[in-house]
C-alpha atoms as a PDB file:
ATOM      1  CA  MET A   1      -9.404 -42.919  -9.739  1.00  0.00           C
ATOM      2  CA  LYS A   2     -11.241 -39.578  -9.686  1.00  0.00           C
ATOM      3  CA  THR A   3     -10.183 -38.988  -6.101  1.00  0.00           C
ATOM      4  CA  GLY A   4      -6.554 -39.631  -7.011  1.00  0.00           C
ATOM      5  CA  THR A   5      -6.735 -37.194  -9.912  1.00  0.00           C
ATOM      6  CA  GLY A   6      -8.339 -34.546  -7.694  1.00  0.00           C
ATOM      7  CA  SER A   7      -5.675 -34.974  -5.042  1.00  0.00           C
ATOM      8  CA  PHE A   8      -2.983 -34.694  -7.686  1.00  0.00           C
ATOM      9  CA  ILE A   9      -4.489 -31.404  -8.952  1.00  0.00           C
ATOM     10  CA  ILE A  10      -4.679 -30.047  -5.390  1.00  0.00           C
ATOM     11  CA  LEU A  11      -1.029 -30.946  -4.808  1.00  0.00           C
ATOM     12  CA  ILE A  12      -0.029 -29.109  -7.981  1.00  0.00           C
ATOM     13  CA  PHE A  13      -2.036 -26.067  -6.868  1.00  0.00           C
ATOM     14  CA  LEU A  14      -0.420 -26.079  -3.422  1.00  0.00           C
ATOM     15  CA  ALA A  15       3.041 -26.429  -4.956  1.00  0.00           C
ATOM     16  CA  ILE A  16       2.421 -23.389  -7.183  1.00  0.00           C
ATOM     17  CA  PHE A  17       0.970 -21.410  -4.258  1.00  0.00           C
ATOM     18  CA  PHE A  18       3.890 -22.071  -1.934  1.00  0.00           C
ATOM     19  CA  ALA A  19       6.400 -21.465  -4.707  1.00  0.00           C
ATOM     20  CA  GLY A  20       4.836 -18.032  -5.237  1.00  0.00           C
ATOM     21  CA  SER A  21       4.924 -17.387  -1.489  1.00  0.00           C
ATOM     22  CA  ALA A  22       8.600 -18.335  -1.418  1.00  0.00           C
ATOM     23  CA  VAL A  23       9.355 -15.860  -4.202  1.00  0.00           C
ATOM     24  CA  ALA A  24       7.521 -13.123  -2.298  1.00  0.00           C
ATOM     25  CA  HIS A  25       9.410 -14.026   0.871  1.00  0.00           C
ATOM     26  CA  ASP A  26      12.731 -13.905  -0.954  1.00  0.00           C
ATOM     27  CA  SER A  27      11.845 -10.463  -2.335  1.00  0.00           C
ATOM     28  CA  THR A  28      11.096  -9.198   1.168  1.00  0.00           C
ATOM     29  CA  GLY A  29      14.328 -10.774   2.320  1.00  0.00           C
ATOM     30  CA  ASP A  30      16.275  -8.529  -0.055  1.00  0.00           C
ATOM     31  CA  PHE A  31      15.388  -5.414   1.950  1.00  0.00           C
ATOM     32  CA  PRO A  32      17.987  -5.943   4.715  1.00  0.00           C
ATOM     33  CA  LYS A  33      20.621  -6.247   1.982  1.00  0.00           C
ATOM     34  CA  ILE A  34      19.492  -2.940   0.493  1.00  0.00           C
ATOM     35  CA  VAL A  35      19.646  -1.218   3.882  1.00  0.00           C
ATOM     36  CA  LYS A  36      23.122  -2.656   4.445  1.00  0.00           C
ATOM     37  CA  LYS A  37      24.213  -1.307   1.059  1.00  0.00           C
ATOM     38  CA  VAL A  38      22.704   2.165   1.592  1.00  0.00           C
ATOM     39  CA  THR A  39      23.891   2.764   5.171  1.00  0.00           C
ATOM     40  CA  PRO A  40      27.636   3.370   4.463  1.00  0.00           C
ATOM     41  CA  SER A  41      26.633   6.261   2.197  1.00  0.00           C
ATOM     42  CA  VAL A  42      24.605   7.981   4.930  1.00  0.00           C
ATOM     43  CA  VAL A  43      26.435  10.592   7.006  1.00  0.00           C
ATOM     44  CA  GLY A  44      25.792  12.942   9.883  1.00  0.00           C
ATOM     45  CA  ILE A  45      25.860  16.703   9.321  1.00  0.00           C
ATOM     46  CA  ALA A  46      27.287  18.416  12.382  1.00  0.00           C
ATOM     47  CA  THR A  47      29.047  21.476  13.708  1.00  0.00           C
ATOM     48  CA  HIS A  48      32.427  21.303  15.421  1.00  0.00           C
ATOM     49  CA  ASN A  49      33.594  23.703  18.101  1.00  0.00           C
ATOM     50  CA  PRO A  50      36.918  22.821  19.771  1.00  0.00           C
ATOM     51  CA  LEU A  51      35.855  24.829  22.830  1.00  0.00           C
ATOM     52  CA  GLY A  52      32.357  23.398  22.991  1.00  0.00           C
ATOM     53  CA  SER A  53      30.956  20.690  25.223  1.00  0.00           C
ATOM     54  CA  PRO A  54      30.271  18.532  23.357  1.00  0.00           C
ATOM     55  CA  GLN A  55      32.618  19.542  20.580  1.00  0.00           C
ATOM     56  CA  ASN A  56      30.483  17.960  17.845  1.00  0.00           C
ATOM     57  CA  VAL A  57      26.750  18.673  17.606  1.00  0.00           C
ATOM     58  CA  LEU A  58      24.742  16.569  15.151  1.00  0.00           C
ATOM     59  CA  ARG A  59      22.235  18.673  13.197  1.00  0.00           C
ATOM     60  CA  GLY A  60      20.853  16.300  10.570  1.00  0.00           C
ATOM     61  CA  THR A  61      21.577  13.715   7.905  1.00  0.00           C
ATOM     62  CA  GLY A  62      23.153  13.668   4.460  1.00  0.00           C
ATOM     63  CA  PHE A  63      24.200  11.107   1.868  1.00  0.00           C
ATOM     64  CA  ALA A  64      26.983  10.655  -0.665  1.00  0.00           C
ATOM     65  CA  VAL A  65      26.309  11.236  -4.368  1.00  0.00           C
ATOM     66  CA  TYR A  66      28.146  11.622  -7.681  1.00  0.00           C
ATOM     67  CA  ASP A  67      31.708  10.351  -7.157  1.00  0.00           C
ATOM     68  CA  GLY A  68      31.395   9.866  -3.393  1.00  0.00           C
ATOM     69  CA  ARG A  69      33.119  13.165  -2.577  1.00  0.00           C
ATOM     70  CA  TYR A  70      29.861  15.112  -2.547  1.00  0.00           C
ATOM     71  CA  VAL A  71      27.042  15.025  -0.016  1.00  0.00           C
ATOM     72  CA  ILE A  72      23.407  16.118  -0.332  1.00  0.00           C
ATOM     73  CA  THR A  73      21.460  17.429   2.660  1.00  0.00           C
ATOM     74  CA  ASN A  74      18.750  19.992   3.435  1.00  0.00           C
ATOM     75  CA  ALA A  75      19.817  23.632   3.373  1.00  0.00           C
ATOM     76  CA  HIS A  76      18.064  24.235   6.700  1.00  0.00           C
ATOM     77  CA  VAL A  77      20.300  21.601   8.340  1.00  0.00           C
ATOM     78  CA  LEU A  78      23.298  23.901   7.874  1.00  0.00           C
ATOM     79  CA  PRO A  79      23.816  26.565  10.553  1.00  0.00           C
ATOM     80  CA  ASP A  80      23.313  30.247   9.821  1.00  0.00           C
ATOM     81  CA  PRO A  81      26.841  31.590   9.154  1.00  0.00           C
ATOM     82  CA  ALA A  82      25.969  34.801  11.012  1.00  0.00           C
ATOM     83  CA  ARG A  83      25.289  32.817  14.175  1.00  0.00           C
ATOM     84  CA  MET A  84      28.345  30.577  14.057  1.00  0.00           C
ATOM     85  CA  LYS A  85      31.066  31.187  16.609  1.00  0.00           C
ATOM     86  CA  SER A  86      34.563  32.197  15.546  1.00  0.00           C
ATOM     87  CA  ARG A  87      36.125  28.714  15.710  1.00  0.00           C
ATOM     88  CA  GLU A  88      32.992  26.767  14.814  1.00  0.00           C
ATOM     89  CA  SER A  89      32.858  24.829  11.526  1.00  0.00           C
ATOM     90  CA  ILE A  90      30.579  22.481   9.614  1.00  0.00           C
ATOM     91  CA  ILE A  91      31.722  18.860   9.471  1.00  0.00           C
ATOM     92  CA  VAL A  92      30.488  15.534   8.156  1.00  0.00           C
ATOM     93  CA  LEU A  93      30.550  12.501  10.439  1.00  0.00           C
ATOM     94  CA  VAL A  94      31.207   9.162   8.730  1.00  0.00           C
ATOM     95  CA  GLY A  95      30.712   5.798  10.401  1.00  0.00           C
ATOM     96  CA  VAL A  96      28.741   4.560  13.398  1.00  0.00           C
ATOM     97  CA  GLY A  97      29.065   5.110  17.111  1.00  0.00           C
ATOM     98  CA  ARG A  98      31.085   7.356  19.380  1.00  0.00           C
ATOM     99  CA  GLN A  99      34.265   7.707  17.316  1.00  0.00           C
ATOM    100  CA  PRO A 100      33.246   8.566  13.749  1.00  0.00           C
ATOM    101  CA  ASP A 101      35.573   9.702  11.008  1.00  0.00           C
ATOM    102  CA  ILE A 102      35.427  13.513  10.835  1.00  0.00           C
ATOM    103  CA  ARG A 103      35.483  15.109   7.376  1.00  0.00           C
ATOM    104  CA  GLN A 104      36.006  18.792   6.636  1.00  0.00           C
ATOM    105  CA  VAL A 105      33.376  20.411   4.449  1.00  0.00           C
ATOM    106  CA  GLU A 106      33.128  22.927   1.635  1.00  0.00           C
ATOM    107  CA  ILE A 107      29.662  24.247   0.785  1.00  0.00           C
ATOM    108  CA  VAL A 108      29.455  23.978  -3.007  1.00  0.00           C
ATOM    109  CA  GLU A 109      25.852  25.011  -3.699  1.00  0.00           C
ATOM    110  CA  THR A 110      22.704  25.820  -1.770  1.00  0.00           C
ATOM    111  CA  ASN A 111      19.195  25.892  -3.174  1.00  0.00           C
ATOM    112  CA  LYS A 112      16.972  27.642  -0.632  1.00  0.00           C
ATOM    113  CA  GLN A 113      13.960  27.348  -2.936  1.00  0.00           C
ATOM    114  CA  HIS A 114      13.971  23.540  -2.659  1.00  0.00           C
ATOM    115  CA  ASP A 115      15.846  23.454   0.661  1.00  0.00           C
ATOM    116  CA  LEU A 116      18.851  21.515  -0.619  1.00  0.00           C
ATOM    117  CA  ALA A 117      22.585  21.891  -0.110  1.00  0.00           C
ATOM    118  CA  LEU A 118      25.526  20.266  -1.859  1.00  0.00           C
ATOM    119  CA  LEU A 119      28.728  19.757   0.139  1.00  0.00           C
ATOM    120  CA  ARG A 120      32.175  18.552  -0.849  1.00  0.00           C
ATOM    121  CA  ILE A 121      33.966  16.487   1.778  1.00  0.00           C
ATOM    122  CA  SER A 122      37.642  15.896   2.429  1.00  0.00           C
ATOM    123  CA  GLY A 123      39.283  12.477   2.492  1.00  0.00           C
ATOM    124  CA  ALA A 124      38.569   9.250   0.630  1.00  0.00           C
ATOM    125  CA  PRO A 125      35.337   9.013  -1.365  1.00  0.00           C
ATOM    126  CA  LEU A 126      32.294   7.305   0.136  1.00  0.00           C
ATOM    127  CA  PRO A 127      30.111   4.825  -1.768  1.00  0.00           C
ATOM    128  CA  ALA A 128      27.774   7.087  -3.745  1.00  0.00           C
ATOM    129  CA  LEU A 129      24.072   6.267  -3.892  1.00  0.00           C
ATOM    130  CA  LYS A 130      22.435   5.820  -7.273  1.00  0.00           C
ATOM    131  CA  LEU A 131      19.865   8.486  -8.120  1.00  0.00           C
ATOM    132  CA  GLY A 132      16.551   7.947  -9.841  1.00  0.00           C
ATOM    133  CA  ASN A 133      16.105   9.839 -13.115  1.00  0.00           C
ATOM    134  CA  GLY A 134      13.970  12.514 -11.478  1.00  0.00           C
ATOM    135  CA  ALA A 135      10.577  11.339 -12.699  1.00  0.00           C
ATOM    136  CA  LEU A 136       7.985  11.329  -9.902  1.00  0.00           C
ATOM    137  CA  ILE A 137       7.352   7.861  -8.514  1.00  0.00           C
ATOM    138  CA  ASP A 138       3.757   6.709  -8.095  1.00  0.00           C
ATOM    139  CA  PRO A 139       1.741   6.826  -4.875  1.00  0.00           C
ATOM    140  CA  GLY A 140       1.792   3.353  -3.361  1.00  0.00           C
ATOM    141  CA  THR A 141       5.486   2.813  -4.159  1.00  0.00           C
ATOM    142  CA  SER A 142       7.320   1.142  -1.264  1.00  0.00           C
ATOM    143  CA  ILE A 143      10.043   3.412   0.078  1.00  0.00           C
ATOM    144  CA  ALA A 144      12.485   3.656   2.965  1.00  0.00           C
ATOM    145  CA  PHE A 145      14.790   6.255   4.444  1.00  0.00           C
ATOM    146  CA  THR A 146      17.858   5.946   6.634  1.00  0.00           C
ATOM    147  CA  GLY A 147      19.180   8.688   8.865  1.00  0.00           C
ATOM    148  CA  PHE A 148      19.778   9.922  12.387  1.00  0.00           C
ATOM    149  CA  PRO A 149      16.454  10.787  14.054  1.00  0.00           C
ATOM    150  CA  ILE A 150      16.967  12.864  17.203  1.00  0.00           C
ATOM    151  CA  GLY A 151      20.667  12.311  16.599  1.00  0.00           C
ATOM    152  CA  ALA A 152      21.728  14.890  19.181  1.00  0.00           C
ATOM    153  CA  VAL A 153      20.293  12.554  21.832  1.00  0.00           C
ATOM    154  CA  LEU A 154      20.553   9.077  20.293  1.00  0.00           C
ATOM    155  CA  GLY A 155      23.938   9.587  18.666  1.00  0.00           C
ATOM    156  CA  LEU A 156      25.389   8.448  15.361  1.00  0.00           C
ATOM    157  CA  TYR A 157      23.435   5.227  14.967  1.00  0.00           C
ATOM    158  CA  PRO A 158      21.585   5.006  11.629  1.00  0.00           C
ATOM    159  CA  VAL A 159      17.890   4.219  11.807  1.00  0.00           C
ATOM    160  CA  THR A 160      15.787   2.987   8.870  1.00  0.00           C
ATOM    161  CA  HIS A 161      12.059   3.656   8.467  1.00  0.00           C
ATOM    162  CA  ARG A 162       9.914   1.950   5.842  1.00  0.00           C
ATOM    163  CA  GLY A 163       6.583   2.934   4.305  1.00  0.00           C
ATOM    164  CA  PHE A 164       5.137   4.024   0.996  1.00  0.00           C
ATOM    165  CA  VAL A 165       4.413   7.161  -0.979  1.00  0.00           C
ATOM    166  CA  ALA A 166       0.979   8.247   0.204  1.00  0.00           C
ATOM    167  CA  ALA A 167       0.482  11.158  -2.203  1.00  0.00           C
ATOM    168  CA  ILE A 168       2.132  13.734  -4.418  1.00  0.00           C
ATOM    169  CA  THR A 169       0.998  17.146  -3.200  1.00  0.00           C
ATOM    170  CA  PRO A 170       1.888  20.846  -3.476  1.00  0.00           C
ATOM    171  CA  ASN A 171       4.367  21.975  -0.842  1.00  0.00           C
ATOM    172  CA  VAL A 172       2.031  24.849   0.065  1.00  0.00           C
ATOM    173  CA  ILE A 173      -1.687  24.434   0.736  1.00  0.00           C
ATOM    174  CA  PRO A 174      -3.923  27.103  -0.863  1.00  0.00           C
ATOM    175  CA  GLN A 175      -5.527  28.946   2.057  1.00  0.00           C
ATOM    176  CA  PRO A 176      -9.301  29.562   2.259  1.00  0.00           C
ATOM    177  CA  SER A 177      -8.946  33.155   3.448  1.00  0.00           C
ATOM    178  CA  ALA A 178      -6.373  35.870   4.027  1.00  0.00           C
ATOM    179  CA  ARG A 179      -6.370  35.383   7.803  1.00  0.00           C
ATOM    180  CA  TYR A 180      -4.462  32.102   7.351  1.00  0.00           C
ATOM    181  CA  LEU A 181      -1.701  33.703   5.304  1.00  0.00           C
ATOM    182  CA  ASP A 182       1.688  34.703   6.653  1.00  0.00           C
ATOM    183  CA  ILE A 183       5.048  35.612   5.165  1.00  0.00           C
ATOM    184  CA  LYS A 184       6.144  31.940   4.868  1.00  0.00           C
ATOM    185  CA  ILE A 185       3.157  31.009   2.721  1.00  0.00           C
ATOM    186  CA  ILE A 186       3.263  34.171   0.605  1.00  0.00           C
ATOM    187  CA  THR A 187       6.976  33.937  -0.257  1.00  0.00           C
ATOM    188  CA  GLN A 188       7.303  30.145  -0.571  1.00  0.00           C
ATOM    189  CA  SER A 189       7.733  28.894  -4.147  1.00  0.00           C
ATOM    190  CA  ARG A 190       5.271  26.217  -5.277  1.00  0.00           C
ATOM    191  CA  PHE A 191       6.399  22.721  -6.295  1.00  0.00           C
ATOM    192  CA  GLU A 192       5.303  19.125  -5.775  1.00  0.00           C
ATOM    193  CA  VAL A 193       6.562  16.995  -2.897  1.00  0.00           C
ATOM    194  CA  TYR A 194       6.074  13.444  -1.690  1.00  0.00           C
ATOM    195  CA  GLN A 195       3.786  12.863   1.270  1.00  0.00           C
ATOM    196  CA  LEU A 196       4.828   9.660   3.038  1.00  0.00           C
ATOM    197  CA  ASP A 197       3.134   7.000   5.105  1.00  0.00           C
ATOM    198  CA  ALA A 198       6.122   6.853   7.447  1.00  0.00           C
ATOM    199  CA  THR A 199       7.259   9.015  10.335  1.00  0.00           C
ATOM    200  CA  ALA A 200      10.430  11.094  10.270  1.00  0.00           C
ATOM    201  CA  TYR A 201      11.824  13.001  13.233  1.00  0.00           C
ATOM    202  CA  PRO A 202      14.112  16.006  13.726  1.00  0.00           C
ATOM    203  CA  GLY A 203      17.520  14.754  12.640  1.00  0.00           C
ATOM    204  CA  ASN A 204      16.043  12.839   9.696  1.00  0.00           C
ATOM    205  CA  SER A 205      16.154  15.996   7.582  1.00  0.00           C
ATOM    206  CA  GLY A 206      18.479  15.290   4.648  1.00  0.00           C
ATOM    207  CA  SER A 207      18.016  11.512   4.772  1.00  0.00           C
ATOM    208  CA  PRO A 208      17.879   9.719   1.410  1.00  0.00           C
ATOM    209  CA  LEU A 209      14.404   8.558   0.401  1.00  0.00           C
ATOM    210  CA  TYR A 210      14.949   5.405  -1.611  1.00  0.00           C
ATOM    211  CA  ASP A 211      12.985   2.707  -3.401  1.00  0.00           C
ATOM    212  CA  ALA A 212      12.648  -0.203  -0.967  1.00  0.00           C
ATOM    213  CA  GLY A 213      13.105  -2.695  -3.780  1.00  0.00           C
ATOM    214  CA  SER A 214      16.173  -1.245  -5.482  1.00  0.00           C
ATOM    215  CA  GLY A 215      17.845   1.234  -3.127  1.00  0.00           C
ATOM    216  CA  GLN A 216      17.674   3.937  -5.805  1.00  0.00           C
ATOM    217  CA  VAL A 217      17.313   7.435  -4.333  1.00  0.00           C
ATOM    218  CA  GLU A 218      14.034   9.111  -5.247  1.00  0.00           C
ATOM    219  CA  GLY A 219      14.092  12.086  -2.901  1.00  0.00           C
ATOM    220  CA  VAL A 220      15.335  13.799   0.262  1.00  0.00           C
ATOM    221  CA  ILE A 221      13.461  13.722   3.565  1.00  0.00           C
ATOM    222  CA  ASN A 222      12.386  17.169   4.716  1.00  0.00           C
ATOM    223  CA  SER A 223      10.688  16.973   8.101  1.00  0.00           C
ATOM    224  CA  VAL A 224      10.853  20.672   8.978  1.00  0.00           C
ATOM    225  CA  LYS A 225      10.917  23.150   6.098  1.00  0.00           C
ATOM    226  CA  VAL A 226       8.011  21.812   4.028  1.00  0.00           C
ATOM    227  CA  LYS A 227       5.932  21.046   7.099  1.00  0.00           C
ATOM    228  CA  GLY A 228       6.415  24.604   8.338  1.00  0.00           C
ATOM    229  CA  THR A 229       4.685  26.020   5.262  1.00  0.00           C
ATOM    230  CA  LYS A 230       2.318  23.228   4.268  1.00  0.00           C
ATOM    231  CA  GLU A 231       0.836  22.770   7.737  1.00  0.00           C
ATOM    232  CA  ASN A 232       1.099  26.383   8.834  1.00  0.00           C
ATOM    233  CA  ALA A 233      -2.673  26.766   9.102  1.00  0.00           C
ATOM    234  CA  LEU A 234      -2.971  23.816  11.491  1.00  0.00           C
ATOM    235  CA  LYS A 235      -3.039  24.524  15.217  1.00  0.00           C
ATOM    236  CA  SER A 236      -1.534  21.103  15.959  1.00  0.00           C
ATOM    237  CA  PRO A 237       1.097  19.521  13.661  1.00  0.00           C
ATOM    238  CA  SER A 238      -0.149  16.384  11.927  1.00  0.00           C
ATOM    239  CA  GLY A 239       3.162  14.527  12.006  1.00  0.00           C
ATOM    240  CA  ILE A 240       3.049  13.880   8.259  1.00  0.00           C
ATOM    241  CA  THR A 241       6.442  13.372   6.631  1.00  0.00           C
ATOM    242  CA  PHE A 242       7.422  15.010   3.348  1.00  0.00           C
ATOM    243  CA  ALA A 243      10.281  14.555   0.890  1.00  0.00           C
ATOM    244  CA  ILE A 244      11.788  16.678  -1.897  1.00  0.00           C
ATOM    245  CA  PRO A 245      11.782  14.766  -5.240  1.00  0.00           C
ATOM    246  CA  ALA A 246      15.088  13.648  -6.765  1.00  0.00           C
ATOM    247  CA  VAL A 247      14.688  15.954  -9.770  1.00  0.00           C
ATOM    248  CA  TYR A 248      15.964  18.770  -7.563  1.00  0.00           C
ATOM    249  CA  ILE A 249      19.018  16.737  -6.567  1.00  0.00           C
ATOM    250  CA  HIS A 250      19.868  16.538 -10.281  1.00  0.00           C
ATOM    251  CA  GLU A 251      19.215  20.262 -10.546  1.00  0.00           C
ATOM    252  CA  ILE A 252      21.658  21.276  -7.800  1.00  0.00           C
ATOM    253  CA  LEU A 253      24.315  18.875  -9.127  1.00  0.00           C
ATOM    254  CA  ASN A 254      23.964  20.346 -12.597  1.00  0.00           C
ATOM    255  CA  GLU A 255      24.204  23.878 -11.164  1.00  0.00           C
ATOM    256  CA  ALA A 256      27.533  22.830  -9.645  1.00  0.00           C
ATOM    257  CA  GLY A 257      28.746  21.563 -13.031  1.00  0.00           C
ATOM    258  CA  LEU A 258      28.407  17.916 -12.039  1.00  0.00           C
ATOM    259  CA  SER A 259      26.637  16.294 -14.969  1.00  0.00           C
ATOM    260  CA  THR A 260      23.864  13.852 -14.124  1.00  0.00           C
ATOM    261  CA  ALA A 261      23.054  12.168 -17.412  1.00  0.00           C
ATOM    262  CA  GLY A 262      19.493  10.941 -17.494  1.00  0.00           C
ATOM    263  CA  GLY A 263      18.236  13.403 -14.895  1.00  0.00           C
ATOM    264  CA  ARG A 264      15.000  15.129 -15.853  1.00  0.00           C
ATOM    265  CA  LYS A 265      14.553  18.871 -15.730  1.00  0.00           C
ATOM    266  CA  ALA A 266      12.269  20.278 -13.067  1.00  0.00           C
ATOM    267  CA  LYS A 267       9.008  21.702 -14.357  1.00  0.00           C
END
């Protein structure tokens, strides 16, 4: 009788254990759905030159926000107007593969301080991604980002990387002595950025950093600008990936007169 009771208790325990495992598995299984939902909002930022070969050159990544007619990317992804050729223009590439939909672009706002740019695109609106409220998310939070790493070589095929927030750090490291200082470090404004346990590549700049459980955008990948100042004192780059927090997305939208109710003000 005791043995039967013990076996019954063990069976109950196993049932609870496997039920919990099933819930965890189902939660993990939601991630592909989130990626599928996010991907149509992710676009390529490129230049178009009708006399060039190739005509379209992919420079980085962006993503649709607000009403789907606006795109966020990094300011450094955009070409220097002074170096653009006479018939060259900035375009947004929508879709996947060799024959994307080409959208004309108007630069609405740029924020060099936080390396962000807001573009308005022609044509039908894209599905806009939902933004977080701007509050910093905690280290350890599971995140993902989708973009076009090394897009000039690999083409317009979105790639998703997954990891977690490793730390919240200043974008510029205080230097131990004057010999480490240069003009980048001296002139760079100070603000907090996400350091990620995930690897981004050239072309990922401007990719949406989103919560892996909800798809809500919490930042913008910045694999060049922040690294250039934060790791300036290092002889060899560390390969660490950084992201600009979403509070600055709200800031640039508000500067453009596009209200983002619920967005926090940057400190």
